């Protein structure tokens, strides 16, 4: 598998913006140079695995989000729920969505 550093940079920038952080704030958290982050986001520098890990921690995500574009969760709870949803028809999916929306609104 060949890594697309342009996409990695875009994913890092997108995550940073989702959190409303400036480059300098992320650099402080990840203990890297602010010019280096700018270069990573523009794909003019290739980050080491250690830097990817630092950025993932600083941006409260997993390295998978940057490297592959998807987040891998440590538990199988998401996979189990996704498998249950996979076998549902449209009516069941709409009902499940309604229930999940209701559940999110509860203060448990």
C-alpha atoms as a PDB file:
ATOM      1  CA  UNK A   1       0.000   0.000   0.000  1.00  0.00           C
ATOM      2  CA  UNK A   2       1.402   3.357  -1.030  1.00  0.00           C
ATOM      3  CA  UNK A   3       0.605   6.337   1.168  1.00  0.00           C
ATOM      4  CA  UNK A   4      -0.847   9.467  -0.410  1.00  0.00           C
ATOM      5  CA  UNK A   5       0.808  12.267   1.565  1.00  0.00           C
ATOM      6  CA  UNK A   6      -1.399  14.864  -0.094  1.00  0.00           C
ATOM      7  CA  UNK A   7      -4.492  13.117   1.315  1.00  0.00           C
ATOM      8  CA  UNK A   8      -2.820  12.649   4.704  1.00  0.00           C
ATOM      9  CA  UNK A   9      -2.118  16.388   4.864  1.00  0.00           C
ATOM     10  CA  UNK A  10      -5.697  17.218   3.879  1.00  0.00           C
ATOM     11  CA  UNK A  11      -7.071  14.862   6.535  1.00  0.00           C
ATOM     12  CA  UNK A  12      -4.887  16.408   9.216  1.00  0.00           C
ATOM     13  CA  UNK A  13      -5.966  19.914   8.182  1.00  0.00           C
ATOM     14  CA  UNK A  14      -9.632  18.875   8.078  1.00  0.00           C
ATOM     15  CA  UNK A  15      -9.473  17.381  11.570  1.00  0.00           C
ATOM     16  CA  UNK A  16      -7.692  20.464  12.919  1.00  0.00           C
ATOM     17  CA  UNK A  17     -10.366  22.715  11.448  1.00  0.00           C
ATOM     18  CA  UNK A  18     -13.169  20.473  12.771  1.00  0.00           C
ATOM     19  CA  UNK A  19     -11.794  21.089  16.246  1.00  0.00           C
ATOM     20  CA  UNK A  20     -11.432  24.814  15.590  1.00  0.00           C
ATOM     21  CA  UNK A  21      -7.690  24.779  16.242  1.00  0.00           C
ATOM     22  CA  UNK A  22      -4.979  26.906  14.696  1.00  0.00           C
ATOM     23  CA  UNK A  23      -1.809  25.296  13.415  1.00  0.00           C
ATOM     24  CA  UNK A  24       0.218  26.809  16.243  1.00  0.00           C
ATOM     25  CA  UNK A  25      -2.104  25.248  18.846  1.00  0.00           C
ATOM     26  CA  UNK A  26      -1.747  21.801  17.304  1.00  0.00           C
ATOM     27  CA  UNK A  27       2.022  22.231  17.088  1.00  0.00           C
ATOM     28  CA  UNK A  28       2.208  23.059  20.773  1.00  0.00           C
ATOM     29  CA  UNK A  29       0.177  19.962  21.631  1.00  0.00           C
ATOM     30  CA  UNK A  30       2.220  17.718  19.330  1.00  0.00           C
ATOM     31  CA  UNK A  31       5.528  19.402  20.183  1.00  0.00           C
ATOM     32  CA  UNK A  32       6.450  20.063  16.564  1.00  0.00           C
ATOM     33  CA  UNK A  33       7.422  23.182  14.628  1.00  0.00           C
ATOM     34  CA  UNK A  34       4.499  25.200  13.249  1.00  0.00           C
ATOM     35  CA  UNK A  35       6.167  25.521   9.845  1.00  0.00           C
ATOM     36  CA  UNK A  36       6.514  21.739   9.745  1.00  0.00           C
ATOM     37  CA  UNK A  37       2.754  21.231  10.251  1.00  0.00           C
ATOM     38  CA  UNK A  38       2.060  23.682   7.448  1.00  0.00           C
ATOM     39  CA  UNK A  39       4.373  21.675   5.180  1.00  0.00           C
ATOM     40  CA  UNK A  40       2.705  18.391   6.197  1.00  0.00           C
ATOM     41  CA  UNK A  41      -0.757  19.783   5.463  1.00  0.00           C
ATOM     42  CA  UNK A  42       0.420  20.973   2.029  1.00  0.00           C
ATOM     43  CA  UNK A  43       2.293  17.680   1.395  1.00  0.00           C
ATOM     44  CA  UNK A  44       5.662  19.373   0.946  1.00  0.00           C
ATOM     45  CA  UNK A  45       7.056  17.388   3.901  1.00  0.00           C
ATOM     46  CA  UNK A  46       6.582  13.734   4.721  1.00  0.00           C
ATOM     47  CA  UNK A  47       5.828  13.143   8.414  1.00  0.00           C
ATOM     48  CA  UNK A  48       7.428  10.287  10.301  1.00  0.00           C
ATOM     49  CA  UNK A  49       5.278   7.695  12.031  1.00  0.00           C
ATOM     50  CA  UNK A  50       6.137   9.329  15.346  1.00  0.00           C
ATOM     51  CA  UNK A  51       4.837  12.691  14.104  1.00  0.00           C
ATOM     52  CA  UNK A  52       1.641  11.064  12.788  1.00  0.00           C
ATOM     53  CA  UNK A  53       1.138   9.544  16.247  1.00  0.00           C
ATOM     54  CA  UNK A  54       1.763  12.881  17.979  1.00  0.00           C
ATOM     55  CA  UNK A  55      -0.687  14.633  15.660  1.00  0.00           C
ATOM     56  CA  UNK A  56      -3.322  11.955  16.236  1.00  0.00           C
ATOM     57  CA  UNK A  57      -3.031  12.441  19.997  1.00  0.00           C
ATOM     58  CA  UNK A  58      -3.042  16.236  19.639  1.00  0.00           C
ATOM     59  CA  UNK A  59      -6.150  16.065  17.450  1.00  0.00           C
ATOM     60  CA  UNK A  60      -7.929  13.453  19.589  1.00  0.00           C
ATOM     61  CA  UNK A  61      -8.192  10.756  16.925  1.00  0.00           C
ATOM     62  CA  UNK A  62      -6.418   7.654  15.700  1.00  0.00           C
ATOM     63  CA  UNK A  63      -3.610   7.545  13.120  1.00  0.00           C
ATOM     64  CA  UNK A  64      -5.983   5.540  10.912  1.00  0.00           C
ATOM     65  CA  UNK A  65      -8.009   8.668  10.256  1.00  0.00           C
ATOM     66  CA  UNK A  66      -4.959  10.350   8.713  1.00  0.00           C
ATOM     67  CA  UNK A  67      -3.458   7.325   6.985  1.00  0.00           C
ATOM     68  CA  UNK A  68      -6.555   5.649   5.548  1.00  0.00           C
ATOM     69  CA  UNK A  69      -9.332   8.178   6.032  1.00  0.00           C
ATOM     70  CA  UNK A  70     -11.271   6.088   8.541  1.00  0.00           C
ATOM     71  CA  UNK A  71     -11.181   5.739  12.290  1.00  0.00           C
ATOM     72  CA  UNK A  72     -10.557   2.375  13.895  1.00  0.00           C
ATOM     73  CA  UNK A  73     -12.118   1.892  17.279  1.00  0.00           C
ATOM     74  CA  UNK A  74     -10.520  -0.309  19.891  1.00  0.00           C
ATOM     75  CA  UNK A  75     -13.700  -2.153  20.799  1.00  0.00           C
ATOM     76  CA  UNK A  76     -15.971  -4.261  18.623  1.00  0.00           C
ATOM     77  CA  UNK A  77     -19.111  -2.454  19.802  1.00  0.00           C
ATOM     78  CA  UNK A  78     -19.302  -0.394  16.603  1.00  0.00           C
ATOM     79  CA  UNK A  79     -18.758  -3.442  14.415  1.00  0.00           C
ATOM     80  CA  UNK A  80     -21.458  -5.419  16.223  1.00  0.00           C
ATOM     81  CA  UNK A  81     -23.949  -2.563  15.871  1.00  0.00           C
ATOM     82  CA  UNK A  82     -23.070  -2.067  12.206  1.00  0.00           C
ATOM     83  CA  UNK A  83     -23.641  -5.764  11.545  1.00  0.00           C
ATOM     84  CA  UNK A  84     -27.087  -5.558  13.123  1.00  0.00           C
ATOM     85  CA  UNK A  85     -27.970  -2.568  10.956  1.00  0.00           C
ATOM     86  CA  UNK A  86     -26.643  -4.224   7.809  1.00  0.00           C
ATOM     87  CA  UNK A  87     -29.412  -6.827   7.793  1.00  0.00           C
ATOM     88  CA  UNK A  88     -32.277  -4.343   8.198  1.00  0.00           C
ATOM     89  CA  UNK A  89     -34.717  -3.195   5.558  1.00  0.00           C
ATOM     90  CA  UNK A  90     -35.564   0.509   4.968  1.00  0.00           C
ATOM     91  CA  UNK A  91     -38.402   0.554   7.468  1.00  0.00           C
ATOM     92  CA  UNK A  92     -36.276  -1.046  10.179  1.00  0.00           C
ATOM     93  CA  UNK A  93     -33.398   1.358   9.469  1.00  0.00           C
ATOM     94  CA  UNK A  94     -35.698   4.365   9.792  1.00  0.00           C
ATOM     95  CA  UNK A  95     -36.996   3.039  13.109  1.00  0.00           C
ATOM     96  CA  UNK A  96     -33.436   2.393  14.328  1.00  0.00           C
ATOM     97  CA  UNK A  97     -32.428   5.925  13.315  1.00  0.00           C
ATOM     98  CA  UNK A  98     -35.401   7.375  15.200  1.00  0.00           C
ATOM     99  CA  UNK A  99     -34.495   5.380  18.284  1.00  0.00           C
ATOM    100  CA  UNK A 100     -30.826   6.408  18.129  1.00  0.00           C
ATOM    101  CA  UNK A 101     -31.813  10.058  17.715  1.00  0.00           C
ATOM    102  CA  UNK A 102     -34.078   9.772  20.760  1.00  0.00           C
ATOM    103  CA  UNK A 103     -31.340   7.998  22.717  1.00  0.00           C
ATOM    104  CA  UNK A 104     -28.823  10.754  21.979  1.00  0.00           C
ATOM    105  CA  UNK A 105     -31.249  13.306  23.420  1.00  0.00           C
ATOM    106  CA  UNK A 106     -31.524  11.460  26.734  1.00  0.00           C
ATOM    107  CA  UNK A 107     -29.423  12.597  29.657  1.00  0.00           C
ATOM    108  CA  UNK A 108     -28.215   9.236  30.923  1.00  0.00           C
END
